[in-house]
């Protein structure tokens, strides 16, 4: 995996795909999550799971992140120049990236050089970044990002090992409910109860709540009725290349289409 990822990064075959995030109240697209994809010379576009080991390697994870951010910021600048109102772009950060001391300056300098407001960027982290010896450096990095206006999202909430105290200790603006709870909420009362609790907790702490992996109208309606703010999933649209973003925003009709079949795609 590391060898393949190194070749992909060297040959500039790393690319972002964008999945819409919508307001559950009115189905309006309010932003996108940039998901990592890479192009195989013969197999075509590949999901990040095929190079998962690369994200634990400090130098390689940083190199991949560099290429992702370069393309994402280039896309954001082009959309702004073309008058495309894309909202906020969310980007995942791997735990390895926090071990690199240039993480904060690298991202902020790219935004400033491109004339893009920091409020346009949302950084997603999983609970695992809060654990271990590097927790202090993670806190410092997230606090700087937050002070500069970048939004911080806690991804896959409830599936890791972090304490609820981390919601107080770190500058978290958004909680993302993991798809594993959403997929069976209409048949599993335990999953439904967890969702109810997370939505209530998030709102009491003044945070936005996003549900991932929404595939049916029943799921979307349940989440809306419980007060969940935003949703992502196949019901609203799969991830696609940058060229699809203006068309999605121009149409704005993302809810109620044909539901997908099969397993959800591997996320980046």
Protein backbone atom coordinates (compact mmCIF):
# COMPACT_ATOMS: atom_id res chain seq x y z
CA UNK A 1 0.00 0.00 0.00
CA UNK A 2 2.78 2.40 0.92
CA UNK A 3 4.63 1.75 -2.32
CA UNK A 4 1.49 2.24 -4.43
CA UNK A 5 0.55 5.41 -2.52
CA UNK A 6 4.06 6.81 -2.93
CA UNK A 7 3.85 6.29 -6.68
CA UNK A 8 0.39 7.88 -6.83
CA UNK A 9 1.57 10.93 -4.88
CA UNK A 10 4.73 11.27 -6.97
CA UNK A 11 2.78 11.05 -10.24
CA UNK A 12 0.11 13.50 -9.05
CA UNK A 13 -2.68 10.91 -9.18
CA UNK A 14 -4.22 11.95 -5.85
CA UNK A 15 -7.53 13.78 -6.29
CA UNK A 16 -10.47 15.07 -4.21
CA UNK A 17 -14.03 13.92 -4.85
CA UNK A 18 -16.79 16.07 -3.38
CA UNK A 19 -19.90 14.77 -1.60
CA UNK A 20 -22.69 17.27 -0.87
CA UNK A 21 -23.78 18.11 2.66
CA UNK A 22 -27.37 19.32 2.86
CA UNK A 23 -29.63 21.05 5.33
CA UNK A 24 -32.24 18.52 6.42
CA UNK A 25 -34.80 21.30 6.82
CA UNK A 26 -34.93 22.30 3.16
CA UNK A 27 -32.53 19.97 1.27
CA UNK A 28 -30.35 22.96 0.31
CA UNK A 29 -26.70 22.13 -0.34
CA UNK A 30 -24.65 23.98 2.26
CA UNK A 31 -21.21 22.52 1.61
CA UNK A 32 -19.21 19.51 0.54
CA UNK A 33 -16.84 16.99 2.04
CA UNK A 34 -13.66 16.45 0.05
CA UNK A 35 -12.95 12.71 -0.03
CA UNK A 36 -9.62 11.33 -1.14
CA UNK A 37 -9.50 9.30 -4.33
CA UNK A 38 -6.56 8.23 -6.46
CA UNK A 39 -6.25 7.13 -10.04
CA UNK A 40 -4.88 3.70 -10.92
CA UNK A 41 -3.40 3.49 -14.43
CA UNK A 42 -5.53 0.49 -15.38
CA UNK A 43 -8.26 0.19 -12.70
CA UNK A 44 -9.34 3.82 -12.73
CA UNK A 45 -10.47 5.81 -9.68
CA UNK A 46 -9.78 4.05 -6.39
CA UNK A 47 -11.05 4.59 -2.83
CA UNK A 48 -8.62 5.46 0.00
CA UNK A 49 -9.02 2.06 1.63
CA UNK A 50 -6.74 0.62 -1.02
CA UNK A 51 -3.82 2.68 0.35
CA UNK A 52 -4.89 2.83 4.01
CA UNK A 53 -1.42 2.02 5.37
CA UNK A 54 -0.05 5.20 3.81
CA UNK A 55 -1.95 7.38 6.27
CA UNK A 56 0.09 6.01 9.18
CA UNK A 57 3.38 7.02 7.54
CA UNK A 58 4.30 10.58 8.58
CA UNK A 59 6.07 11.72 5.44
CA UNK A 60 3.75 9.98 3.01
CA UNK A 61 0.59 11.13 4.80
CA UNK A 62 1.90 14.69 4.67
CA UNK A 63 2.76 14.37 0.98
CA UNK A 64 -0.70 13.06 0.14
CA UNK A 65 -2.30 15.81 2.24
CA UNK A 66 -0.22 18.43 0.40
CA UNK A 67 -1.57 17.26 -2.95
CA UNK A 68 -5.13 17.08 -1.68
CA UNK A 69 -5.07 20.58 -0.21
CA UNK A 70 -3.39 22.03 -3.28
CA UNK A 71 -6.22 20.73 -5.48
CA UNK A 72 -8.99 21.59 -3.02
CA UNK A 73 -7.83 25.18 -2.64
CA UNK A 74 -7.40 25.47 -6.40
CA UNK A 75 -10.99 24.23 -6.83
CA UNK A 76 -12.28 26.64 -4.17
CA UNK A 77 -10.52 29.58 -5.81
CA UNK A 78 -11.94 28.68 -9.22
CA UNK A 79 -15.48 28.32 -7.84
CA UNK A 80 -15.24 31.70 -6.12
CA UNK A 81 -13.94 33.32 -9.30
CA UNK A 82 -16.83 31.77 -11.24
CA UNK A 83 -19.42 32.93 -8.69
CA UNK A 84 -20.18 29.38 -7.50
CA UNK A 85 -21.41 29.51 -3.89
CA UNK A 86 -20.15 26.20 -2.51
CA UNK A 87 -20.45 26.92 1.22
CA UNK A 88 -17.82 25.15 3.33
CA UNK A 89 -15.45 22.39 2.25
CA UNK A 90 -14.68 19.72 4.85
CA UNK A 91 -11.38 17.85 4.71
CA UNK A 92 -10.23 14.86 6.77
CA UNK A 93 -6.94 15.02 8.67
CA UNK A 94 -5.20 11.77 9.56
CA UNK A 95 -3.61 11.34 13.03
CA UNK A 96 -0.17 11.15 11.40
CA UNK A 97 -0.49 14.66 10.00
CA UNK A 98 -0.67 16.13 13.51
CA UNK A 99 2.84 14.82 14.15
CA UNK A 100 4.19 17.21 11.53
CA UNK A 101 5.02 20.60 13.00
CA UNK A 102 4.22 22.48 9.77
CA UNK A 103 0.59 21.31 9.60
CA UNK A 104 -1.01 24.57 10.75
CA UNK A 105 1.22 26.97 8.83
CA UNK A 106 1.04 24.86 5.69
CA UNK A 107 -2.76 24.94 5.51
CA UNK A 108 -3.29 28.52 6.66
CA UNK A 109 -0.63 29.90 4.29
CA UNK A 110 -2.27 28.16 1.34
CA UNK A 111 -5.61 29.74 2.22
CA UNK A 112 -4.12 33.19 2.70
CA UNK A 113 -2.10 33.07 -0.52
CA UNK A 114 -5.22 32.11 -2.46
CA UNK A 115 -7.35 34.80 -0.83
CA UNK A 116 -9.82 32.27 0.55
CA UNK A 117 -11.53 33.00 3.87
CA UNK A 118 -10.62 30.52 6.60
CA UNK A 119 -14.34 30.15 7.36
CA UNK A 120 -14.64 28.30 4.05
CA UNK A 121 -12.64 25.38 5.45
CA UNK A 122 -13.76 22.68 7.86
CA UNK A 123 -11.27 20.15 9.24
CA UNK A 124 -12.55 16.73 10.24
CA UNK A 125 -10.72 14.68 12.87
CA UNK A 126 -11.55 11.34 14.45
CA UNK A 127 -11.46 10.61 18.17
CA UNK A 128 -8.17 8.72 17.82
CA UNK A 129 -6.23 11.98 17.36
CA UNK A 130 -7.04 12.90 20.98
CA UNK A 131 -5.35 9.83 22.38
CA UNK A 132 -1.71 9.08 23.12
CA UNK A 133 1.37 11.19 23.67
CA UNK A 134 0.62 13.64 20.87
CA UNK A 135 -2.60 14.95 22.41
CA UNK A 136 -0.99 18.22 23.51
CA UNK A 137 0.22 19.06 20.01
CA UNK A 138 -3.21 18.17 18.60
CA UNK A 139 -4.86 20.55 21.07
CA UNK A 140 -2.46 23.33 20.15
CA UNK A 141 -3.01 22.84 16.41
CA UNK A 142 -6.81 22.71 16.70
CA UNK A 143 -6.88 25.80 18.90
CA UNK A 144 -4.87 27.77 16.36
CA UNK A 145 -7.12 26.65 13.53
CA UNK A 146 -10.19 27.58 15.57
CA UNK A 147 -8.86 31.03 16.45
CA UNK A 148 -8.16 31.62 12.76
CA UNK A 149 -11.78 30.84 11.85
CA UNK A 150 -11.46 27.27 10.59
CA UNK A 151 -14.31 25.01 11.74
CA UNK A 152 -13.48 21.75 13.53
CA UNK A 153 -15.64 18.64 13.13
CA UNK A 154 -15.44 15.46 15.22
CA UNK A 155 -15.94 12.67 12.71
CA UNK A 156 -17.39 9.19 13.31
CA UNK A 157 -18.58 10.26 16.75
CA UNK A 158 -19.31 7.38 19.12
CA UNK A 159 -17.16 4.77 17.40
CA UNK A 160 -13.79 5.60 19.00
CA UNK A 161 -12.37 5.63 22.48
CA UNK A 162 -12.36 9.31 23.37
CA UNK A 163 -13.98 10.64 26.51
CA UNK A 164 -16.88 13.07 26.42
CA UNK A 165 -14.57 15.49 28.20
CA UNK A 166 -12.76 15.95 24.90
CA UNK A 167 -15.81 17.83 23.64
CA UNK A 168 -15.03 20.41 26.33
CA UNK A 169 -11.24 20.30 26.07
CA UNK A 170 -11.00 20.73 22.29
CA UNK A 171 -12.57 23.41 20.05
CA UNK A 172 -15.16 21.18 18.38
CA UNK A 173 -17.83 23.01 16.33
CA UNK A 174 -19.52 20.03 14.64
CA UNK A 175 -20.35 16.47 15.64
CA UNK A 176 -20.76 13.93 12.86
CA UNK A 177 -22.91 10.89 13.64
CA UNK A 178 -21.30 7.79 12.20
CA UNK A 179 -23.11 5.94 9.41
CA UNK A 180 -23.15 2.74 11.50
CA UNK A 181 -25.81 4.29 13.74
CA UNK A 182 -27.81 5.76 10.83
CA UNK A 183 -28.04 2.60 8.72
CA UNK A 184 -30.30 0.72 11.17
CA UNK A 185 -32.04 3.51 13.02
CA UNK A 186 -35.47 2.48 11.70
CA UNK A 187 -35.06 -1.13 12.86
CA UNK A 188 -32.73 -0.93 15.87
CA UNK A 189 -34.08 1.06 18.84
CA UNK A 190 -30.60 1.21 20.37
CA UNK A 191 -29.18 3.02 17.35
CA UNK A 192 -32.15 5.38 17.35
CA UNK A 193 -31.60 6.11 21.04
CA UNK A 194 -27.91 6.85 20.45
CA UNK A 195 -28.79 9.27 17.67
CA UNK A 196 -31.32 11.03 19.90
CA UNK A 197 -28.68 11.39 22.62
CA UNK A 198 -25.96 12.67 20.27
CA UNK A 199 -28.24 15.27 18.69
CA UNK A 200 -29.33 16.48 22.12
CA UNK A 201 -25.76 16.57 23.43
CA UNK A 202 -24.46 18.44 20.41
CA UNK A 203 -27.11 21.11 20.58
CA UNK A 204 -26.73 21.60 24.33
CA UNK A 205 -23.02 22.20 23.73
CA UNK A 206 -23.79 24.68 20.94
CA UNK A 207 -22.54 22.43 18.15
CA UNK A 208 -23.92 21.59 14.72
CA UNK A 209 -24.86 17.94 14.16
CA UNK A 210 -24.33 16.11 10.86
CA UNK A 211 -25.53 12.56 10.11
CA UNK A 212 -23.55 10.48 7.64
CA UNK A 213 -24.62 7.60 5.44
CA UNK A 214 -28.25 8.62 4.88
CA UNK A 215 -29.68 6.37 2.18
CA UNK A 216 -33.47 6.44 2.65
CA UNK A 217 -36.22 8.99 3.08
CA UNK A 218 -37.22 7.26 6.34
CA UNK A 219 -33.77 7.91 7.80
CA UNK A 220 -33.78 11.53 6.64
CA UNK A 221 -37.23 12.14 8.13
CA UNK A 222 -36.29 10.58 11.48
CA UNK A 223 -33.15 12.69 11.74
CA UNK A 224 -35.03 15.85 10.79
CA UNK A 225 -37.72 15.15 13.37
CA UNK A 226 -35.02 14.72 16.05
CA UNK A 227 -33.48 18.07 15.17
CA UNK A 228 -30.36 16.91 13.29
CA UNK A 229 -29.05 19.87 11.29
CA UNK A 230 -27.34 18.39 8.26
CA UNK A 231 -27.02 15.14 6.34
CA UNK A 232 -24.73 13.35 3.91
CA UNK A 233 -25.27 10.12 2.03
CA UNK A 234 -26.36 8.48 -1.18
CA UNK A 235 -29.88 9.87 -0.79
CA UNK A 236 -28.44 13.31 -1.45
CA UNK A 237 -25.61 12.40 -3.79
CA UNK A 238 -22.45 10.37 -4.17
CA UNK A 239 -19.00 11.93 -4.21
CA UNK A 240 -17.87 13.18 -7.60
CA UNK A 241 -15.03 15.17 -9.18
CA UNK A 242 -14.79 18.94 -8.88
CA UNK A 243 -16.55 19.47 -12.21
CA UNK A 244 -19.79 18.09 -10.74
CA UNK A 245 -20.03 20.68 -7.94
CA UNK A 246 -21.44 23.60 -10.00
CA UNK A 247 -24.06 21.30 -11.55
CA UNK A 248 -25.15 20.02 -8.13
CA UNK A 249 -25.46 23.58 -6.83
CA UNK A 250 -27.30 24.74 -9.94
CA UNK A 251 -29.85 21.94 -9.60
CA UNK A 252 -30.22 22.01 -5.81
CA UNK A 253 -32.64 19.08 -6.05
CA UNK A 254 -30.77 16.39 -4.17
CA UNK A 255 -33.46 14.70 -2.09
CA UNK A 256 -35.83 12.00 -3.21
CA UNK A 257 -33.86 10.54 -6.08
CA UNK A 258 -33.39 6.85 -6.77
CA UNK A 259 -31.87 5.13 -3.78
CA UNK A 260 -28.60 3.29 -4.30
CA UNK A 261 -28.06 -0.39 -3.91
CA UNK A 262 -25.10 -2.24 -2.47
CA UNK A 263 -22.60 -1.20 0.16
CA UNK A 264 -21.58 2.36 0.87
CA UNK A 265 -18.32 3.54 -0.66
CA UNK A 266 -15.17 3.63 1.44
CA UNK A 267 -14.69 7.12 2.79
CA UNK A 268 -11.54 9.15 2.73
